[in-house]
N, C-alpha and C. Protein backbone atom coordinates (compact mmCIF):
# COMPACT_ATOMS: atom_id res chain seq x y z
N MET A 1 0.85 -1.16 0.00
CA MET A 1 0.00 0.00 0.00
C MET A 1 0.91 1.24 0.00
N ASN A 2 0.70 2.09 -0.97
CA ASN A 2 1.52 3.30 -1.02
C ASN A 2 0.90 4.41 -0.17
N GLN A 3 1.58 5.51 -0.06
CA GLN A 3 1.16 6.57 0.86
C GLN A 3 -0.16 7.21 0.42
N TYR A 4 -0.45 7.27 -0.86
CA TYR A 4 -1.68 7.89 -1.34
C TYR A 4 -2.90 7.03 -0.99
N GLU A 5 -2.75 5.75 -1.09
CA GLU A 5 -3.84 4.86 -0.70
C GLU A 5 -4.11 4.96 0.80
N PHE A 6 -3.05 5.09 1.56
CA PHE A 6 -3.18 5.21 3.01
C PHE A 6 -3.91 6.50 3.38
N ILE A 7 -3.56 7.61 2.74
CA ILE A 7 -4.22 8.90 2.99
C ILE A 7 -5.67 8.84 2.57
N LEU A 8 -5.94 8.23 1.42
CA LEU A 8 -7.31 8.07 0.95
C LEU A 8 -8.12 7.23 1.93
N GLY A 9 -7.54 6.19 2.47
CA GLY A 9 -8.23 5.36 3.47
C GLY A 9 -8.58 6.14 4.72
N ILE A 10 -7.67 6.97 5.18
CA ILE A 10 -7.92 7.80 6.37
C ILE A 10 -9.06 8.79 6.10
N VAL A 11 -9.03 9.41 4.93
CA VAL A 11 -10.08 10.37 4.57
C VAL A 11 -11.44 9.67 4.53
N ILE A 12 -11.51 8.50 3.97
CA ILE A 12 -12.77 7.76 3.89
C ILE A 12 -13.28 7.39 5.28
N VAL A 13 -12.39 6.93 6.15
CA VAL A 13 -12.79 6.58 7.51
C VAL A 13 -13.32 7.79 8.25
N VAL A 14 -12.67 8.93 8.12
CA VAL A 14 -13.11 10.16 8.79
C VAL A 14 -14.47 10.60 8.26
N MET A 15 -14.66 10.52 6.97
CA MET A 15 -15.94 10.91 6.38
C MET A 15 -17.07 10.01 6.86
N ILE A 16 -16.84 8.72 6.89
CA ILE A 16 -17.87 7.79 7.36
C ILE A 16 -18.19 8.05 8.83
N ALA A 17 -17.16 8.31 9.63
CA ALA A 17 -17.38 8.59 11.05
C ALA A 17 -18.20 9.87 11.24
N SER A 18 -17.92 10.89 10.44
CA SER A 18 -18.67 12.15 10.58
C SER A 18 -20.13 11.97 10.15
N ILE A 19 -20.38 11.16 9.15
CA ILE A 19 -21.76 10.88 8.72
C ILE A 19 -22.51 10.14 9.81
N ILE A 20 -21.89 9.16 10.41
CA ILE A 20 -22.53 8.39 11.50
C ILE A 20 -22.81 9.31 12.69
N LYS A 21 -21.88 10.17 13.01
CA LYS A 21 -22.05 11.11 14.13
C LYS A 21 -23.21 12.07 13.86
N ALA A 22 -23.31 12.59 12.65
CA ALA A 22 -24.39 13.51 12.29
C ALA A 22 -25.74 12.81 12.35
N ARG A 23 -25.83 11.60 11.88
CA ARG A 23 -27.10 10.86 11.94
C ARG A 23 -27.51 10.59 13.38
N TYR A 24 -26.56 10.28 14.23
CA TYR A 24 -26.86 10.02 15.63
C TYR A 24 -27.41 11.28 16.30
N LYS A 25 -26.78 12.42 16.06
CA LYS A 25 -27.26 13.67 16.64
C LYS A 25 -28.66 13.99 16.15
N TYR A 26 -28.93 13.77 14.87
CA TYR A 26 -30.25 14.04 14.32
C TYR A 26 -31.30 13.14 14.96
N SER A 27 -30.99 11.87 15.14
CA SER A 27 -31.97 10.94 15.71
C SER A 27 -32.25 11.28 17.16
N VAL A 28 -31.25 11.74 17.91
CA VAL A 28 -31.47 12.13 19.30
C VAL A 28 -32.36 13.36 19.36
N ARG A 29 -32.12 14.34 18.50
CA ARG A 29 -32.95 15.54 18.47
C ARG A 29 -34.37 15.21 18.05
N LYS A 30 -34.52 14.33 17.10
CA LYS A 30 -35.83 13.97 16.59
C LYS A 30 -36.67 13.29 17.67
N LEU A 31 -36.06 12.49 18.50
CA LEU A 31 -36.78 11.80 19.56
C LEU A 31 -37.15 12.73 20.71
N GLY A 32 -36.52 13.88 20.78
CA GLY A 32 -36.81 14.83 21.84
C GLY A 32 -36.25 14.39 23.18
N ALA A 33 -35.20 13.61 23.16
CA ALA A 33 -34.61 13.10 24.39
C ALA A 33 -33.76 14.15 25.10
N ASP A 34 -33.53 15.26 24.46
CA ASP A 34 -32.74 16.32 25.06
C ASP A 34 -33.50 16.94 26.22
N PRO A 35 -32.92 16.99 27.41
CA PRO A 35 -33.64 17.54 28.58
C PRO A 35 -34.02 19.00 28.40
N GLU A 36 -33.22 19.75 27.68
CA GLU A 36 -33.55 21.17 27.44
C GLU A 36 -34.81 21.28 26.59
N THR A 37 -34.96 20.40 25.61
CA THR A 37 -36.15 20.40 24.77
C THR A 37 -37.38 20.07 25.59
N VAL A 38 -37.27 19.09 26.45
CA VAL A 38 -38.40 18.70 27.30
C VAL A 38 -38.78 19.86 28.22
N ARG A 39 -37.80 20.55 28.77
CA ARG A 39 -38.07 21.68 29.67
C ARG A 39 -38.76 22.81 28.92
N VAL A 40 -38.30 23.11 27.73
CA VAL A 40 -38.89 24.19 26.94
C VAL A 40 -40.32 23.83 26.54
N ARG A 41 -40.56 22.60 26.17
CA ARG A 41 -41.93 22.18 25.81
C ARG A 41 -42.87 22.30 26.99
N GLU A 42 -42.41 21.93 28.17
CA GLU A 42 -43.23 22.04 29.37
C GLU A 42 -43.51 23.51 29.69
N GLU A 43 -42.52 24.35 29.51
CA GLU A 43 -42.71 25.78 29.76
C GLU A 43 -43.71 26.38 28.77
N VAL A 44 -43.63 25.98 27.52
CA VAL A 44 -44.57 26.48 26.51
C VAL A 44 -45.99 26.03 26.86
N ARG A 45 -46.14 24.79 27.30
CA ARG A 45 -47.46 24.29 27.68
C ARG A 45 -48.03 25.10 28.84
N THR A 46 -47.20 25.39 29.84
CA THR A 46 -47.64 26.17 30.99
C THR A 46 -48.03 27.58 30.57
N LEU A 47 -47.23 28.18 29.70
CA LEU A 47 -47.54 29.54 29.24
C LEU A 47 -48.83 29.58 28.43
N LYS A 48 -49.10 28.55 27.64
CA LYS A 48 -50.35 28.49 26.89
C LYS A 48 -51.55 28.42 27.82
N GLU A 49 -51.43 27.64 28.90
CA GLU A 49 -52.51 27.56 29.88
C GLU A 49 -52.75 28.92 30.53
N ARG A 50 -51.68 29.62 30.87
CA ARG A 50 -51.81 30.93 31.50
C ARG A 50 -52.46 31.92 30.54
N ILE A 51 -52.10 31.85 29.25
CA ILE A 51 -52.70 32.75 28.26
C ILE A 51 -54.19 32.48 28.14
N GLN A 52 -54.58 31.21 28.18
CA GLN A 52 -56.01 30.89 28.12
C GLN A 52 -56.77 31.50 29.28
N VAL A 53 -56.19 31.43 30.47
CA VAL A 53 -56.84 32.03 31.63
C VAL A 53 -56.94 33.54 31.47
N LEU A 54 -55.86 34.17 31.03
CA LEU A 54 -55.89 35.62 30.83
C LEU A 54 -56.89 36.04 29.76
N GLU A 55 -56.99 35.25 28.69
CA GLU A 55 -57.98 35.56 27.65
C GLU A 55 -59.39 35.44 28.20
N ARG A 56 -59.62 34.41 29.02
CA ARG A 56 -60.95 34.24 29.61
C ARG A 56 -61.28 35.43 30.50
N ILE A 57 -60.32 35.88 31.29
CA ILE A 57 -60.55 37.01 32.18
C ILE A 57 -60.78 38.28 31.36
N ALA A 58 -60.01 38.48 30.31
CA ALA A 58 -60.13 39.69 29.50
C ALA A 58 -61.44 39.74 28.73
N THR A 59 -61.94 38.62 28.28
CA THR A 59 -63.16 38.61 27.46
C THR A 59 -64.41 38.36 28.28
N ASP A 60 -64.26 38.00 29.54
CA ASP A 60 -65.41 37.74 30.40
C ASP A 60 -66.10 39.05 30.74
N LYS A 61 -67.41 38.99 30.95
CA LYS A 61 -68.13 40.19 31.35
C LYS A 61 -67.66 40.65 32.72
N ASP A 62 -67.76 41.94 32.95
CA ASP A 62 -67.29 42.50 34.22
C ASP A 62 -68.02 41.92 35.42
N SER A 63 -69.29 41.66 35.29
CA SER A 63 -70.05 41.17 36.44
C SER A 63 -69.58 39.77 36.86
N ALA A 64 -69.26 38.91 35.89
CA ALA A 64 -68.79 37.57 36.23
C ALA A 64 -67.42 37.64 36.89
N LEU A 65 -66.58 38.52 36.42
CA LEU A 65 -65.26 38.69 37.00
C LEU A 65 -65.37 39.22 38.43
N GLU A 66 -66.24 40.19 38.63
CA GLU A 66 -66.43 40.74 39.98
C GLU A 66 -66.96 39.67 40.93
N ARG A 67 -67.87 38.84 40.44
CA ARG A 67 -68.40 37.75 41.27
C ARG A 67 -67.30 36.79 41.70
N GLU A 68 -66.44 36.43 40.76
CA GLU A 68 -65.34 35.51 41.09
C GLU A 68 -64.38 36.12 42.10
N ILE A 69 -64.10 37.41 41.95
CA ILE A 69 -63.20 38.07 42.88
C ILE A 69 -63.83 38.09 44.27
N GLU A 70 -65.11 38.39 44.33
CA GLU A 70 -65.79 38.40 45.64
C GLU A 70 -65.82 37.01 46.27
N GLN A 71 -66.00 35.99 45.47
CA GLN A 71 -65.99 34.62 46.00
C GLN A 71 -64.62 34.27 46.57
N LEU A 72 -63.57 34.73 45.91
CA LEU A 72 -62.22 34.47 46.41
C LEU A 72 -61.95 35.24 47.70
N ARG A 73 -62.50 36.44 47.83
CA ARG A 73 -62.31 37.23 49.04
C ARG A 73 -63.05 36.60 50.23
N ASP A 74 -64.20 35.98 49.96
CA ASP A 74 -65.01 35.39 51.04
C ASP A 74 -64.35 34.16 51.64
N ARG A 75 -63.42 33.58 50.98
CA ARG A 75 -62.79 32.35 51.50
C ARG A 75 -62.00 32.58 52.72
């Protein structure tokens, strides 16, 4: 084996390793196994729930809102 074949072999091995590494990273991201992704999804879900409550309060009639506030004060 001459030196050019040896260099070509090294280049091929490095390329194959980088392809395998990239596929592995993609599959991990796709599965959502990253803890940061799980945390962000949970935070988004919580924020959506809070927005729904705020929308309900903003669009609710004043009398219903006042009644709920008074019920909370009576507790």
